[in-house]
Amino acid sequence: MTLFTQTIIDQLINQYPKGGHLENQNVICKIFNPYGAGTWYCINMDPSDQDYVWGIAHLFEWEIGSVLRSSLETIRVPPFGLPLERDIHFEPVNAQQLWDRLMAGETI
């Protein structure tokens, strides 16, 4: 599965100028580890460095920050070396609203 289609990349880049304010942006896609811990909600991408993705992530706790696109695309989960997946049913949602729902304990 392609985690970052050209459509997703374009949407992420278009939001980059909006800065780090969650209320001004949407979460564009959800990447997850279907075999264990790890969820990434991608919000924007630096147009001059398309390896830089900013979003909301959960490995051990919820946090907001950046991740390398290349890392998400190359992670292979042991013991069988399976890749991460993109939630094909995820619909874009306001990033602040998603953050508030996650902090309230909802599973999205």
PDB file of N, CA and C in Angstrom:
ATOM      1  N   MET A   1       0.842  -1.183   0.000  1.00  0.00           N
ATOM      2  CA  MET A   1       0.000   0.000   0.000  1.00  0.00           C
ATOM      3  C   MET A   1       0.886   1.244   0.000  1.00  0.00           C
ATOM      4  N   THR A   2       0.511   2.214  -0.789  1.00  0.00           N
ATOM      5  CA  THR A   2       1.201   3.499  -0.796  1.00  0.00           C
ATOM      6  C   THR A   2       0.672   4.335   0.359  1.00  0.00           C
ATOM      7  N   LEU A   3       1.545   4.702   1.289  1.00  0.00           N
ATOM      8  CA  LEU A   3       1.109   5.495   2.434  1.00  0.00           C
ATOM      9  C   LEU A   3       0.793   6.929   2.021  1.00  0.00           C
ATOM     10  N   PHE A   4       1.608   7.495   1.141  1.00  0.00           N
ATOM     11  CA  PHE A   4       1.463   8.889   0.741  1.00  0.00           C
ATOM     12  C   PHE A   4       1.240   8.974  -0.763  1.00  0.00           C
ATOM     13  N   THR A   5      -0.018   9.002  -1.178  1.00  0.00           N
ATOM     14  CA  THR A   5      -0.329   9.186  -2.596  1.00  0.00           C
ATOM     15  C   THR A   5      -0.014  10.627  -2.981  1.00  0.00           C
ATOM     16  N   GLN A   6       0.020  10.918  -4.271  1.00  0.00           N
ATOM     17  CA  GLN A   6       0.276  12.290  -4.702  1.00  0.00           C
ATOM     18  C   GLN A   6      -0.820  13.231  -4.214  1.00  0.00           C
ATOM     19  N   THR A   7      -2.050  12.761  -4.175  1.00  0.00           N
ATOM     20  CA  THR A   7      -3.160  13.586  -3.664  1.00  0.00           C
ATOM     21  C   THR A   7      -2.940  13.942  -2.203  1.00  0.00           C
ATOM     22  N   ILE A   8      -2.533  12.969  -1.399  1.00  0.00           N
ATOM     23  CA  ILE A   8      -2.263  13.219   0.021  1.00  0.00           C
ATOM     24  C   ILE A   8      -1.088  14.175   0.176  1.00  0.00           C
ATOM     25  N   ILE A   9      -0.030  13.968  -0.581  1.00  0.00           N
ATOM     26  CA  ILE A   9       1.137  14.855  -0.526  1.00  0.00           C
ATOM     27  C   ILE A   9       0.716  16.285  -0.853  1.00  0.00           C
ATOM     28  N   ASP A  10      -0.073  16.460  -1.907  1.00  0.00           N
ATOM     29  CA  ASP A  10      -0.527  17.797  -2.299  1.00  0.00           C
ATOM     30  C   ASP A  10      -1.340  18.452  -1.184  1.00  0.00           C
ATOM     31  N   GLN A  11      -2.229  17.689  -0.561  1.00  0.00           N
ATOM     32  CA  GLN A  11      -3.047  18.229   0.527  1.00  0.00           C
ATOM     33  C   GLN A  11      -2.182  18.615   1.728  1.00  0.00           C
ATOM     34  N   LEU A  12      -1.214  17.787   2.061  1.00  0.00           N
ATOM     35  CA  LEU A  12      -0.317  18.091   3.180  1.00  0.00           C
ATOM     36  C   LEU A  12       0.516  19.342   2.899  1.00  0.00           C
ATOM     37  N   ILE A  13       1.044  19.464   1.710  1.00  0.00           N
ATOM     38  CA  ILE A  13       1.844  20.629   1.330  1.00  0.00           C
ATOM     39  C   ILE A  13       0.993  21.903   1.359  1.00  0.00           C
ATOM     40  N   ASN A  14      -0.253  21.813   0.890  1.00  0.00           N
ATOM     41  CA  ASN A  14      -1.131  22.984   0.865  1.00  0.00           C
ATOM     42  C   ASN A  14      -1.400  23.537   2.263  1.00  0.00           C
ATOM     43  N   GLN A  15      -1.299  22.714   3.281  1.00  0.00           N
ATOM     44  CA  GLN A  15      -1.550  23.169   4.644  1.00  0.00           C
ATOM     45  C   GLN A  15      -0.297  23.707   5.339  1.00  0.00           C
ATOM     46  N   TYR A  16       0.870  23.456   4.781  1.00  0.00           N
ATOM     47  CA  TYR A  16       2.124  23.857   5.425  1.00  0.00           C
ATOM     48  C   TYR A  16       2.181  25.347   5.772  1.00  0.00           C
ATOM     49  N   PRO A  17       1.731  26.247   4.888  1.00  0.00           N
ATOM     50  CA  PRO A  17       1.801  27.677   5.218  1.00  0.00           C
ATOM     51  C   PRO A  17       0.940  28.081   6.420  1.00  0.00           C
ATOM     52  N   LYS A  18       0.044  27.234   6.852  1.00  0.00           N
ATOM     53  CA  LYS A  18      -0.840  27.564   7.976  1.00  0.00           C
ATOM     54  C   LYS A  18      -0.136  27.445   9.319  1.00  0.00           C
ATOM     55  N   GLY A  19       1.106  26.956   9.322  1.00  0.00           N
ATOM     56  CA  GLY A  19       1.885  26.891  10.558  1.00  0.00           C
ATOM     57  C   GLY A  19       1.468  25.758  11.470  1.00  0.00           C
ATOM     58  N   GLY A  20       1.776  25.918  12.743  1.00  0.00           N
ATOM     59  CA  GLY A  20       1.561  24.853  13.715  1.00  0.00           C
ATOM     60  C   GLY A  20       0.286  24.956  14.516  1.00  0.00           C
ATOM     61  N   HIS A  21      -0.650  25.788  14.079  1.00  0.00           N
ATOM     62  CA  HIS A  21      -1.897  25.945  14.816  1.00  0.00           C
ATOM     63  C   HIS A  21      -2.890  24.869  14.392  1.00  0.00           C
ATOM     64  N   LEU A  22      -3.241  23.994  15.311  1.00  0.00           N
ATOM     65  CA  LEU A  22      -4.128  22.879  14.999  1.00  0.00           C
ATOM     66  C   LEU A  22      -5.483  23.325  14.496  1.00  0.00           C
ATOM     67  N   GLU A  23      -6.012  24.403  15.067  1.00  0.00           N
ATOM     68  CA  GLU A  23      -7.375  24.822  14.705  1.00  0.00           C
ATOM     69  C   GLU A  23      -7.473  25.285  13.249  1.00  0.00           C
ATOM     70  N   ASN A  24      -6.357  25.622  12.607  1.00  0.00           N
ATOM     71  CA  ASN A  24      -6.369  26.114  11.231  1.00  0.00           C
ATOM     72  C   ASN A  24      -6.169  25.027  10.181  1.00  0.00           C
ATOM     73  N   GLN A  25      -5.993  23.780  10.609  1.00  0.00           N
ATOM     74  CA  GLN A  25      -5.642  22.724   9.668  1.00  0.00           C
ATOM     75  C   GLN A  25      -6.491  21.477   9.885  1.00  0.00           C
ATOM     76  N   ASN A  26      -6.485  20.629   8.874  1.00  0.00           N
ATOM     77  CA  ASN A  26      -7.135  19.325   8.967  1.00  0.00           C
ATOM     78  C   ASN A  26      -6.090  18.229   9.066  1.00  0.00           C
ATOM     79  N   VAL A  27      -6.460  17.152   9.707  1.00  0.00           N
ATOM     80  CA  VAL A  27      -5.664  15.924   9.618  1.00  0.00           C
ATOM     81  C   VAL A  27      -6.041  15.310   8.276  1.00  0.00           C
ATOM     82  N   ILE A  28      -5.049  15.052   7.453  1.00  0.00           N
ATOM     83  CA  ILE A  28      -5.278  14.584   6.087  1.00  0.00           C
ATOM     84  C   ILE A  28      -5.340  13.062   6.009  1.00  0.00           C
ATOM     85  N   CYS A  29      -4.468  12.382   6.749  1.00  0.00           N
ATOM     86  CA  CYS A  29      -4.465  10.922   6.678  1.00  0.00           C
ATOM     87  C   CYS A  29      -4.020  10.319   8.004  1.00  0.00           C
ATOM     88  N   LYS A  30      -4.380   9.071   8.171  1.00  0.00           N
ATOM     89  CA  LYS A  30      -4.018   8.306   9.369  1.00  0.00           C
ATOM     90  C   LYS A  30      -3.177   7.111   8.925  1.00  0.00           C
ATOM     91  N   ILE A  31      -1.963   7.021   9.499  1.00  0.00           N
ATOM     92  CA  ILE A  31      -1.062   5.893   9.269  1.00  0.00           C
ATOM     93  C   ILE A  31      -1.019   5.104  10.575  1.00  0.00           C
ATOM     94  N   PHE A  32      -1.040   3.784  10.489  1.00  0.00           N
ATOM     95  CA  PHE A  32      -1.055   3.007  11.729  1.00  0.00           C
ATOM     96  C   PHE A  32      -0.326   1.680  11.573  1.00  0.00           C
ATOM     97  N   ASN A  33       0.049   1.146  12.712  1.00  0.00           N
ATOM     98  CA  ASN A  33       0.654  -0.177  12.797  1.00  0.00           C
ATOM     99  C   ASN A  33      -0.476  -1.143  13.141  1.00  0.00           C
ATOM    100  N   PRO A  34      -0.939  -1.956  12.207  1.00  0.00           N
ATOM    101  CA  PRO A  34      -2.046  -2.861  12.494  1.00  0.00           C
ATOM    102  C   PRO A  34      -1.649  -4.050  13.367  1.00  0.00           C
ATOM    103  N   TYR A  35      -0.366  -4.147  13.677  1.00  0.00           N
ATOM    104  CA  TYR A  35       0.138  -5.298  14.423  1.00  0.00           C
ATOM    105  C   TYR A  35       0.521  -4.944  15.851  1.00  0.00           C
ATOM    106  N   GLY A  36       0.362  -3.662  16.239  1.00  0.00           N
ATOM    107  CA  GLY A  36       0.751  -3.237  17.583  1.00  0.00           C
ATOM    108  C   GLY A  36       0.686  -1.730  17.724  1.00  0.00           C
ATOM    109  N   ALA A  37       1.532  -1.182  18.571  1.00  0.00           N
ATOM    110  CA  ALA A  37       1.510   0.244  18.881  1.00  0.00           C
ATOM    111  C   ALA A  37       2.012   1.086  17.711  1.00  0.00           C
ATOM    112  N   GLY A  38       1.419   2.269  17.575  1.00  0.00           N
ATOM    113  CA  GLY A  38       1.875   3.241  16.596  1.00  0.00           C
ATOM    114  C   GLY A  38       0.752   3.749  15.719  1.00  0.00           C
ATOM    115  N   THR A  39       0.426   5.043  15.880  1.00  0.00           N
ATOM    116  CA  THR A  39      -0.562   5.721  15.048  1.00  0.00           C
ATOM    117  C   THR A  39      -0.045   7.125  14.772  1.00  0.00           C
ATOM    118  N   TRP A  40      -0.166   7.568  13.517  1.00  0.00           N
ATOM    119  CA  TRP A  40       0.281   8.889  13.111  1.00  0.00           C
ATOM    120  C   TRP A  40      -0.843   9.547  12.322  1.00  0.00           C
ATOM    121  N   TYR A  41      -1.273  10.729  12.758  1.00  0.00           N
ATOM    122  CA  TYR A  41      -2.262  11.543  12.058  1.00  0.00           C
ATOM    123  C   TYR A  41      -1.495  12.681  11.383  1.00  0.00           C
ATOM    124  N   CYS A  42      -1.408  12.669  10.078  1.00  0.00           N
ATOM    125  CA  CYS A  42      -0.567  13.603   9.332  1.00  0.00           C
ATOM    126  C   CYS A  42      -1.331  14.878   8.987  1.00  0.00           C
ATOM    127  N   ILE A  43      -0.692  16.024   9.286  1.00  0.00           N
ATOM    128  CA  ILE A  43      -1.348  17.317   9.128  1.00  0.00           C
ATOM    129  C   ILE A  43      -0.737  18.143   8.002  1.00  0.00           C
ATOM    130  N   ASN A  44       0.579  18.270   7.951  1.00  0.00           N
ATOM    131  CA  ASN A  44       1.178  19.029   6.858  1.00  0.00           C
ATOM    132  C   ASN A  44       2.573  18.508   6.524  1.00  0.00           C
ATOM    133  N   MET A  45       3.089  18.998   5.393  1.00  0.00           N
ATOM    134  CA  MET A  45       4.393  18.562   4.890  1.00  0.00           C
ATOM    135  C   MET A  45       5.131  19.779   4.347  1.00  0.00           C
ATOM    136  N   ASP A  46       6.402  19.865   4.646  1.00  0.00           N
ATOM    137  CA  ASP A  46       7.237  20.957   4.166  1.00  0.00           C
ATOM    138  C   ASP A  46       7.441  20.810   2.647  1.00  0.00           C
ATOM    139  N   PRO A  47       7.011  21.791   1.858  1.00  0.00           N
ATOM    140  CA  PRO A  47       7.169  21.667   0.402  1.00  0.00           C
ATOM    141  C   PRO A  47       8.626  21.630  -0.053  1.00  0.00           C
ATOM    142  N   SER A  48       9.536  22.209   0.722  1.00  0.00           N
ATOM    143  CA  SER A  48      10.946  22.200   0.332  1.00  0.00           C
ATOM    144  C   SER A  48      11.686  20.969   0.856  1.00  0.00           C
ATOM    145  N   ASP A  49      11.049  20.206   1.744  1.00  0.00           N
ATOM    146  CA  ASP A  49      11.622  18.964   2.270  1.00  0.00           C
ATOM    147  C   ASP A  49      10.471  17.995   2.513  1.00  0.00           C
ATOM    148  N   GLN A  50      10.091  17.293   1.463  1.00  0.00           N
ATOM    149  CA  GLN A  50       8.908  16.438   1.531  1.00  0.00           C
ATOM    150  C   GLN A  50       9.119  15.173   2.368  1.00  0.00           C
ATOM    151  N   ASP A  51      10.237  15.096   3.052  1.00  0.00           N
ATOM    152  CA  ASP A  51      10.458  14.012   4.009  1.00  0.00           C
ATOM    153  C   ASP A  51       9.985  14.433   5.409  1.00  0.00           C
ATOM    154  N   TYR A  52       9.662  15.713   5.567  1.00  0.00           N
ATOM    155  CA  TYR A  52       9.232  16.258   6.854  1.00  0.00           C
ATOM    156  C   TYR A  52       7.711  16.295   6.913  1.00  0.00           C
ATOM    157  N   VAL A  53       7.126  15.509   7.821  1.00  0.00           N
ATOM    158  CA  VAL A  53       5.674  15.480   8.019  1.00  0.00           C
ATOM    159  C   VAL A  53       5.391  15.872   9.457  1.00  0.00           C
ATOM    160  N   TRP A  54       4.447  16.776   9.641  1.00  0.00           N
ATOM    161  CA  TRP A  54       4.068  17.239  10.974  1.00  0.00           C
ATOM    162  C   TRP A  54       2.686  16.696  11.304  1.00  0.00           C
ATOM    163  N   GLY A  55       2.498  16.260  12.550  1.00  0.00           N
ATOM    164  CA  GLY A  55       1.196  15.731  12.915  1.00  0.00           C
ATOM    165  C   GLY A  55       1.093  15.324  14.369  1.00  0.00           C
ATOM    166  N   ILE A  56       0.114  14.491  14.629  1.00  0.00           N
ATOM    167  CA  ILE A  56      -0.179  13.960  15.955  1.00  0.00           C
ATOM    168  C   ILE A  56       0.191  12.484  15.928  1.00  0.00           C
ATOM    169  N   ALA A  57       0.902  12.033  16.952  1.00  0.00           N
ATOM    170  CA  ALA A  57       1.353  10.636  16.961  1.00  0.00           C
ATOM    171  C   ALA A  57       1.158   9.999  18.326  1.00  0.00           C
ATOM    172  N   HIS A  58       1.040   8.689  18.295  1.00  0.00           N
ATOM    173  CA  HIS A  58       0.955   7.929  19.543  1.00  0.00           C
ATOM    174  C   HIS A  58       1.795   6.664  19.407  1.00  0.00           C
ATOM    175  N   LEU A  59       2.843   6.590  20.214  1.00  0.00           N
ATOM    176  CA  LEU A  59       3.601   5.351  20.371  1.00  0.00           C
ATOM    177  C   LEU A  59       3.450   4.890  21.819  1.00  0.00           C
ATOM    178  N   PHE A  60       3.854   5.749  22.740  1.00  0.00           N
ATOM    179  CA  PHE A  60       3.699   5.471  24.165  1.00  0.00           C
ATOM    180  C   PHE A  60       2.710   6.431  24.801  1.00  0.00           C
ATOM    181  N   GLU A  61       2.616   7.631  24.227  1.00  0.00           N
ATOM    182  CA  GLU A  61       1.656   8.642  24.669  1.00  0.00           C
ATOM    183  C   GLU A  61       1.371   9.561  23.492  1.00  0.00           C
ATOM    184  N   TRP A  62       0.293  10.346  23.563  1.00  0.00           N
ATOM    185  CA  TRP A  62      -0.045  11.271  22.492  1.00  0.00           C
ATOM    186  C   TRP A  62       0.910  12.449  22.498  1.00  0.00           C
ATOM    187  N   GLU A  63       1.358  12.841  21.317  1.00  0.00           N
ATOM    188  CA  GLU A  63       2.228  14.002  21.196  1.00  0.00           C
ATOM    189  C   GLU A  63       2.050  14.629  19.822  1.00  0.00           C
ATOM    190  N   ILE A  64       2.467  15.884  19.714  1.00  0.00           N
ATOM    191  CA  ILE A  64       2.420  16.625  18.462  1.00  0.00           C
ATOM    192  C   ILE A  64       3.856  16.924  18.065  1.00  0.00           C
ATOM    193  N   GLY A  65       4.194  16.640  16.808  1.00  0.00           N
ATOM    194  CA  GLY A  65       5.555  16.877  16.367  1.00  0.00           C
ATOM    195  C   GLY A  65       5.755  16.403  14.947  1.00  0.00           C
ATOM    196  N   SER A  66       7.005  16.187  14.594  1.00  0.00           N
ATOM    197  CA  SER A  66       7.327  15.794  13.223  1.00  0.00           C
ATOM    198  C   SER A  66       7.871  14.371  13.176  1.00  0.00           C
ATOM    199  N   VAL A  67       7.749  13.815  11.999  1.00  0.00           N
ATOM    200  CA  VAL A  67       8.266  12.473  11.723  1.00  0.00           C
ATOM    201  C   VAL A  67       8.778  12.490  10.287  1.00  0.00           C
ATOM    202  N   LEU A  68       9.721  11.634  10.006  1.00  0.00           N
ATOM    203  CA  LEU A  68      10.222  11.523   8.637  1.00  0.00           C
ATOM    204  C   LEU A  68       9.308  10.612   7.821  1.00  0.00           C
ATOM    205  N   ARG A  69       8.877  11.116   6.704  1.00  0.00           N
ATOM    206  CA  ARG A  69       8.055  10.314   5.790  1.00  0.00           C
ATOM    207  C   ARG A  69       8.784   9.029   5.429  1.00  0.00           C
ATOM    208  N   SER A  70      10.080   9.141   5.163  1.00  0.00           N
ATOM    209  CA  SER A  70      10.866   7.961   4.783  1.00  0.00           C
ATOM    210  C   SER A  70      10.865   6.908   5.890  1.00  0.00           C
ATOM    211  N   SER A  71      10.824   7.345   7.141  1.00  0.00           N
ATOM    212  CA  SER A  71      10.760   6.383   8.252  1.00  0.00           C
ATOM    213  C   SER A  71       9.441   5.631   8.238  1.00  0.00           C
ATOM    214  N   LEU A  72       8.342   6.366   8.061  1.00  0.00           N
ATOM    215  CA  LEU A  72       7.031   5.708   8.028  1.00  0.00           C
ATOM    216  C   LEU A  72       6.944   4.725   6.860  1.00  0.00           C
ATOM    217  N   GLU A  73       7.521   5.106   5.737  1.00  0.00           N
ATOM    218  CA  GLU A  73       7.448   4.258   4.547  1.00  0.00           C
ATOM    219  C   GLU A  73       8.349   3.030   4.619  1.00  0.00           C
ATOM    220  N   THR A  74       9.375   3.071   5.460  1.00  0.00           N
ATOM    221  CA  THR A  74      10.317   1.951   5.497  1.00  0.00           C
ATOM    222  C   THR A  74      10.238   1.101   6.762  1.00  0.00           C
ATOM    223  N   ILE A  75       9.434   1.517   7.735  1.00  0.00           N
ATOM    224  CA  ILE A  75       9.290   0.713   8.957  1.00  0.00           C
ATOM    225  C   ILE A  75       8.761  -0.668   8.579  1.00  0.00           C
ATOM    226  N   ARG A  76       9.389  -1.681   9.135  1.00  0.00           N
ATOM    227  CA  ARG A  76       8.919  -3.061   8.993  1.00  0.00           C
ATOM    228  C   ARG A  76       8.784  -3.626  10.393  1.00  0.00           C
ATOM    229  N   VAL A  77       7.571  -4.083  10.701  1.00  0.00           N
ATOM    230  CA  VAL A  77       7.234  -4.515  12.053  1.00  0.00           C
ATOM    231  C   VAL A  77       7.652  -5.968  12.255  1.00  0.00           C
ATOM    232  N   PRO A  78       8.455  -6.220  13.301  1.00  0.00           N
ATOM    233  CA  PRO A  78       8.838  -7.592  13.591  1.00  0.00           C
ATOM    234  C   PRO A  78       7.645  -8.388  14.116  1.00  0.00           C
ATOM    235  N   PRO A  79       7.661  -9.677  14.067  1.00  0.00           N
ATOM    236  CA  PRO A  79       8.759 -10.529  13.608  1.00  0.00           C
ATOM    237  C   PRO A  79       8.700 -10.842  12.124  1.00  0.00           C
ATOM    238  N   PHE A  80       7.640 -10.408  11.415  1.00  0.00           N
ATOM    239  CA  PHE A  80       7.485 -10.805  10.018  1.00  0.00           C
ATOM    240  C   PHE A  80       7.865  -9.726   9.014  1.00  0.00           C
ATOM    241  N   GLY A  81       8.289  -8.555   9.489  1.00  0.00           N
ATOM    242  CA  GLY A  81       8.723  -7.485   8.602  1.00  0.00           C
ATOM    243  C   GLY A  81       7.612  -6.844   7.796  1.00  0.00           C
ATOM    244  N   LEU A  82       6.427  -6.722   8.407  1.00  0.00           N
ATOM    245  CA  LEU A  82       5.289  -6.154   7.698  1.00  0.00           C
ATOM    246  C   LEU A  82       5.281  -4.624   7.808  1.00  0.00           C
ATOM    247  N   PRO A  83       4.765  -3.927   6.775  1.00  0.00           N
ATOM    248  CA  PRO A  83       4.785  -2.464   6.769  1.00  0.00           C
ATOM    249  C   PRO A  83       3.619  -1.843   7.533  1.00  0.00           C
ATOM    250  N   LEU A  84       3.717  -0.531   7.750  1.00  0.00           N
ATOM    251  CA  LEU A  84       2.598   0.236   8.293  1.00  0.00           C
ATOM    252  C   LEU A  84       1.520   0.331   7.213  1.00  0.00           C
ATOM    253  N   GLU A  85       0.320   0.744   7.627  1.00  0.00           N
ATOM    254  CA  GLU A  85      -0.772   0.889   6.675  1.00  0.00           C
ATOM    255  C   GLU A  85      -1.424   2.250   6.825  1.00  0.00           C
ATOM    256  N   ARG A  86      -2.148   2.661   5.783  1.00  0.00           N
ATOM    257  CA  ARG A  86      -2.931   3.886   5.825  1.00  0.00           C
ATOM    258  C   ARG A  86      -4.396   3.500   5.956  1.00  0.00           C
ATOM    259  N   ASP A  87      -5.106   4.192   6.840  1.00  0.00           N
ATOM    260  CA  ASP A  87      -6.537   3.949   7.022  1.00  0.00           C
ATOM    261  C   ASP A  87      -7.262   4.507   5.802  1.00  0.00           C
ATOM    262  N   ILE A  88      -7.710   3.630   4.918  1.00  0.00           N
ATOM    263  CA  ILE A  88      -8.344   4.076   3.678  1.00  0.00           C
ATOM    264  C   ILE A  88      -9.752   4.619   3.914  1.00  0.00           C
ATOM    265  N   HIS A  89     -10.288   4.433   5.103  1.00  0.00           N
ATOM    266  CA  HIS A  89     -11.627   4.937   5.430  1.00  0.00           C
ATOM    267  C   HIS A  89     -11.576   6.247   6.210  1.00  0.00           C
ATOM    268  N   PHE A  90     -10.382   6.720   6.533  1.00  0.00           N
ATOM    269  CA  PHE A  90     -10.243   7.947   7.309  1.00  0.00           C
ATOM    270  C   PHE A  90     -10.633   9.154   6.462  1.00  0.00           C
ATOM    271  N   GLU A  91     -11.467  10.011   7.023  1.00  0.00           N
ATOM    272  CA  GLU A  91     -11.880  11.252   6.366  1.00  0.00           C
ATOM    273  C   GLU A  91     -11.199  12.418   7.067  1.00  0.00           C
ATOM    274  N   PRO A  92     -10.696  13.410   6.310  1.00  0.00           N
ATOM    275  CA  PRO A  92     -10.068  14.565   6.949  1.00  0.00           C
ATOM    276  C   PRO A  92     -10.970  15.197   8.001  1.00  0.00           C
ATOM    277  N   VAL A  93     -10.332  15.628   9.078  1.00  0.00           N
ATOM    278  CA  VAL A  93     -11.043  16.220  10.211  1.00  0.00           C
ATOM    279  C   VAL A  93     -10.186  17.347  10.756  1.00  0.00           C
ATOM    280  N   ASN A  94     -10.814  18.355  11.336  1.00  0.00           N
ATOM    281  CA  ASN A  94     -10.069  19.460  11.921  1.00  0.00           C
ATOM    282  C   ASN A  94      -9.095  18.910  12.959  1.00  0.00           C
ATOM    283  N   ALA A  95      -7.848  19.344  12.886  1.00  0.00           N
ATOM    284  CA  ALA A  95      -6.798  18.812  13.760  1.00  0.00           C
ATOM    285  C   ALA A  95      -7.057  19.115  15.234  1.00  0.00           C
ATOM    286  N   GLN A  96      -7.556  20.303  15.543  1.00  0.00           N
ATOM    287  CA  GLN A  96      -7.833  20.644  16.945  1.00  0.00           C
ATOM    288  C   GLN A  96      -8.964  19.776  17.492  1.00  0.00           C
ATOM    289  N   GLN A  97      -9.996  19.573  16.693  1.00  0.00           N
ATOM    290  CA  GLN A  97     -11.107  18.725  17.124  1.00  0.00           C
ATOM    291  C   GLN A  97     -10.640  17.285  17.346  1.00  0.00           C
ATOM    292  N   LEU A  98      -9.799  16.785  16.441  1.00  0.00           N
ATOM    293  CA  LEU A  98      -9.275  15.424  16.619  1.00  0.00           C
ATOM    294  C   LEU A  98      -8.442  15.342  17.892  1.00  0.00           C
ATOM    295  N   TRP A  99      -7.555  16.322  18.114  1.00  0.00           N
ATOM    296  CA  TRP A  99      -6.727  16.344  19.322  1.00  0.00           C
ATOM    297  C   TRP A  99      -7.607  16.335  20.572  1.00  0.00           C
ATOM    298  N   ASP A 100      -8.642  17.168  20.590  1.00  0.00           N
ATOM    299  CA  ASP A 100      -9.542  17.232  21.754  1.00  0.00           C
ATOM    300  C   ASP A 100     -10.224  15.890  21.991  1.00  0.00           C
ATOM    301  N   ARG A 101     -10.660  15.250  20.938  1.00  0.00           N
ATOM    302  CA  ARG A 101     -11.314  13.939  21.067  1.00  0.00           C
ATOM    303  C   ARG A 101     -10.347  12.877  21.566  1.00  0.00           C
ATOM    304  N   LEU A 102      -9.103  12.909  21.065  1.00  0.00           N
ATOM    305  CA  LEU A 102      -8.094  11.953  21.529  1.00  0.00           C
ATOM    306  C   LEU A 102      -7.790  12.172  23.007  1.00  0.00           C
ATOM    307  N   MET A 103      -7.700  13.441  23.413  1.00  0.00           N
ATOM    308  CA  MET A 103      -7.405  13.761  24.821  1.00  0.00           C
ATOM    309  C   MET A 103      -8.565  13.384  25.741  1.00  0.00           C
ATOM    310  N   ALA A 104      -9.770  13.285  25.164  1.00  0.00           N
ATOM    311  CA  ALA A 104     -10.935  12.854  25.930  1.00  0.00           C
ATOM    312  C   ALA A 104     -11.040  11.329  25.994  1.00  0.00           C
ATOM    313  N   GLY A 105     -10.081  10.638  25.346  1.00  0.00           N
ATOM    314  CA  GLY A 105     -10.048   9.189  25.407  1.00  0.00           C
ATOM    315  C   GLY A 105     -10.738   8.462  24.283  1.00  0.00           C
ATOM    316  N   GLU A 106     -11.211   9.199  23.274  1.00  0.00           N
ATOM    317  CA  GLU A 106     -11.873   8.543  22.157  1.00  0.00           C
ATOM    318  C   GLU A 106     -10.870   7.800  21.273  1.00  0.00           C
ATOM    319  N   THR A 107     -11.317   6.740  20.656  1.00  0.00           N
ATOM    320  CA  THR A 107     -10.526   6.007  19.672  1.00  0.00           C
ATOM    321  C   THR A 107     -11.027   6.417  18.302  1.00  0.00           C
ATOM    322  N   ILE A 108     -10.124   6.912  17.467  1.00  0.00           N
ATOM    323  CA  ILE A 108     -10.524   7.423  16.157  1.00  0.00           C
ATOM    324  C   ILE A 108      -9.748   6.680  15.080  1.00  0.00           C
TER     325      ILE A 108
END
